[in-house]
Protein backbone atom coordinates (compact mmCIF):
# COMPACT_ATOMS: atom_id res chain seq x y z
CA MET A 1 36.28 42.40 -28.83
CA GLY A 2 35.31 41.03 -31.78
CA ALA A 3 34.45 37.95 -33.04
CA ASP A 4 38.26 35.36 -33.40
CA GLU A 5 39.33 36.40 -37.02
CA GLY A 6 40.10 32.56 -37.83
CA ALA A 7 36.54 31.63 -37.03
CA VAL A 8 35.25 33.91 -39.13
CA ALA A 9 37.33 33.15 -41.77
CA ALA A 10 36.17 29.49 -41.20
CA PHE A 11 32.32 30.08 -41.58
CA ARG A 12 32.82 32.71 -43.76
CA GLU A 13 34.21 29.80 -46.17
CA ARG A 14 31.75 26.91 -44.60
CA PHE A 15 28.13 29.96 -45.36
CA ALA A 16 29.79 30.26 -48.64
CA GLN A 17 29.92 26.47 -49.58
CA ILE A 18 26.00 26.26 -48.68
CA MET A 19 25.60 28.85 -50.92
CA VAL A 20 27.14 27.04 -53.47
CA GLU A 21 24.95 23.93 -52.80
CA SER A 22 21.84 25.82 -52.95
CA GLY A 23 22.98 26.83 -56.73
CA MET A 24 25.25 30.10 -56.20
CA PRO A 25 28.37 29.77 -58.39
CA ARG A 26 31.37 29.87 -56.24
CA MET A 27 33.02 33.19 -56.71
CA ALA A 28 30.25 34.83 -55.95
CA ALA A 29 29.56 32.95 -53.01
CA ARG A 30 32.46 33.98 -51.28
CA VAL A 31 32.11 37.25 -51.73
CA TYR A 32 28.56 37.24 -50.50
CA ALA A 33 29.53 35.16 -47.22
CA ALA A 34 32.19 37.85 -46.80
CA LEU A 35 30.17 40.96 -47.25
CA MET A 36 27.70 39.49 -45.16
CA VAL A 37 30.36 38.14 -42.01
CA ALA A 38 31.50 42.16 -42.57
CA ASP A 39 30.23 43.62 -39.50
CA SER A 40 29.71 46.67 -42.20
CA GLY A 41 28.14 44.85 -45.04
CA LYS A 42 30.33 46.63 -47.06
CA LEU A 43 33.63 46.25 -49.17
CA SER A 44 35.75 47.25 -51.23
CA ALA A 45 36.46 45.08 -54.02
CA ALA A 46 40.46 45.18 -52.92
CA GLU A 47 39.46 44.00 -49.16
CA LEU A 48 36.93 41.27 -51.11
CA ALA A 49 39.97 40.33 -52.59
CA GLU A 50 42.25 40.43 -50.13
CA GLN A 51 40.04 38.52 -47.65
CA LEU A 52 39.43 35.82 -50.23
CA SER A 53 42.88 35.63 -51.25
CA VAL A 54 42.08 36.41 -55.12
CA GLY A 55 42.48 38.48 -58.34
CA ALA A 56 40.75 41.78 -59.15
CA SER A 57 38.82 40.58 -62.16
CA ALA A 58 37.25 36.94 -60.14
CA ILE A 59 35.71 40.16 -57.68
CA SER A 60 34.73 41.59 -60.65
CA GLY A 61 32.80 38.95 -62.23
CA ALA A 62 31.56 37.40 -58.99
CA VAL A 63 30.60 41.52 -58.07
CA LYS A 64 28.33 41.65 -61.56
CA TYR A 65 26.76 38.46 -60.72
CA LEU A 66 25.80 39.41 -57.30
CA VAL A 67 24.63 42.99 -58.32
CA GLN A 68 22.41 40.93 -61.66
CA VAL A 69 20.44 38.92 -59.09
CA ARG A 70 19.60 41.89 -56.27
CA LEU A 71 21.60 39.90 -53.09
CA VAL A 72 24.09 42.97 -53.41
CA GLU A 73 24.34 46.47 -54.61
CA ARG A 74 27.83 48.56 -55.88
CA GLY A 75 28.47 52.38 -54.74
CA ARG A 76 30.73 55.29 -53.88
CA ASP A 77 31.07 56.52 -50.71
CA PRO A 78 30.94 60.58 -51.17
CA GLY A 79 33.62 62.24 -52.20
CA SER A 80 36.03 58.65 -52.57
CA ARG A 81 37.09 57.31 -55.91
CA HIS A 82 36.61 54.34 -54.71
CA ASP A 83 33.20 51.49 -55.32
CA PHE A 84 32.65 49.39 -52.81
CA CYS A 85 29.98 46.59 -52.44
CA ARG A 86 27.44 46.15 -50.29
CA ILE A 87 24.52 43.84 -49.22
CA HIS A 88 20.87 45.28 -49.75
CA GLU A 89 19.60 45.65 -46.31
CA HIS A 90 17.11 43.25 -45.34
CA THR A 91 18.49 40.60 -48.48
CA TRP A 92 16.79 38.13 -48.34
CA SER A 93 13.54 39.42 -47.92
CA HIS A 94 14.80 41.80 -50.97
CA TYR A 95 15.29 38.90 -52.70
CA ILE A 96 12.24 36.92 -52.68
CA SER A 97 10.23 40.46 -53.24
CA GLN A 98 12.12 40.87 -55.97
CA SER A 99 11.71 37.60 -58.05
CA ASP A 100 7.76 37.62 -59.24
CA PRO A 101 8.78 38.55 -62.52
CA VAL A 102 11.17 35.29 -63.18
CA LEU A 103 8.01 32.97 -61.64
CA VAL A 104 6.15 35.09 -64.27
CA ARG A 105 7.93 34.54 -66.74
CA VAL A 106 7.74 30.37 -66.04
CA GLN A 107 4.04 30.47 -65.09
CA ALA A 108 3.27 32.00 -68.69
CA GLY A 109 5.58 29.85 -70.51
CA ALA A 110 4.14 26.63 -68.88
CA ASP A 111 0.91 28.46 -70.17
CA GLU A 112 2.15 28.55 -73.14
CA GLY A 113 3.37 24.99 -73.67
CA VAL A 114 -0.58 24.44 -71.74
CA ALA A 115 -1.96 26.06 -75.09
CA ILE A 116 0.64 23.84 -77.31
CA LEU A 117 0.96 20.76 -75.87
CA GLY A 118 -3.05 20.35 -75.19
CA PRO A 119 -4.95 20.05 -71.49
CA ASP A 120 -5.19 16.27 -71.89
CA SER A 121 -1.60 14.74 -72.75
CA PRO A 122 0.88 14.11 -70.39
CA ALA A 123 3.22 16.76 -70.84
CA GLY A 124 -0.07 19.61 -70.88
CA ARG A 125 -0.31 18.18 -67.66
CA ARG A 126 3.16 18.50 -65.84
CA MET A 127 2.90 21.89 -67.58
CA ASP A 128 -0.08 22.51 -65.96
CA GLU A 129 0.76 21.45 -62.73
CA THR A 130 3.64 23.84 -63.28
CA SER A 131 1.50 26.75 -63.42
CA ARG A 132 -0.52 26.18 -60.96
CA PHE A 133 2.51 25.82 -59.13
CA PHE A 134 3.64 29.22 -59.74
CA ALA A 135 1.01 30.60 -59.34
CA PHE A 136 0.54 29.41 -55.70
CA LEU A 137 3.91 30.36 -54.81
CA ARG A 138 3.42 33.09 -56.50
CA GLU A 139 0.58 33.68 -53.82
CA GLU A 140 2.27 32.45 -51.31
CA ILE A 141 4.83 35.27 -51.24
CA THR A 142 2.88 37.42 -51.77
CA GLN A 143 1.70 36.57 -48.29
CA SER A 144 4.89 35.66 -46.62
CA MET A 145 6.63 38.98 -47.22
CA ALA A 146 3.24 40.80 -45.05
CA LYS A 147 3.68 38.68 -43.09
CA TRP A 148 6.96 38.80 -42.24
CA ARG A 149 7.18 43.14 -43.16
CA ARG A 150 4.64 42.87 -40.10
CA LEU A 151 6.78 41.09 -38.08
CA GLN A 152 9.62 43.64 -38.48
CA ALA A 153 7.81 46.17 -37.94
CA ALA A 154 6.24 44.97 -34.27
CA GLU A 155 10.06 44.09 -33.96
CA ARG A 156 10.89 47.79 -34.23
CA GLU A 157 8.10 48.91 -31.79
CA ALA A 158 8.84 46.33 -29.00
CA GLY A 159 12.16 48.18 -29.51
């Protein structure tokens, strides 16, 4: 017996609101939450539109955003003419693992700022702190992701 549909829908909206408060656009958050609570982790655009009571264009824009930030992927079942949207397997570890290019750009931009502003100016010191923070963050993410993979492997082995 599955979960109560009304309770699931209410939770889906609460979870979407958490994502909105974390900076995700509202419709993308609603689509993401709908995919997260679907047992299959995948829904067609029509299914998403029906569940969320919105039009196809709203779903399309939300899915485009979610694909761009690599939280979901589009696909098509063999022999089908209908696309679906699917949560990446291990969605958050996948998302975090893909963040390094963005962090590198911020760090490099801050380094350029230090060179232009001078390391002894207040603005240069802020840029230097930004650069050092992003270097630290990149290293921490690398170590944390390695630890996560070890934990996941140990859980799989344990059964």
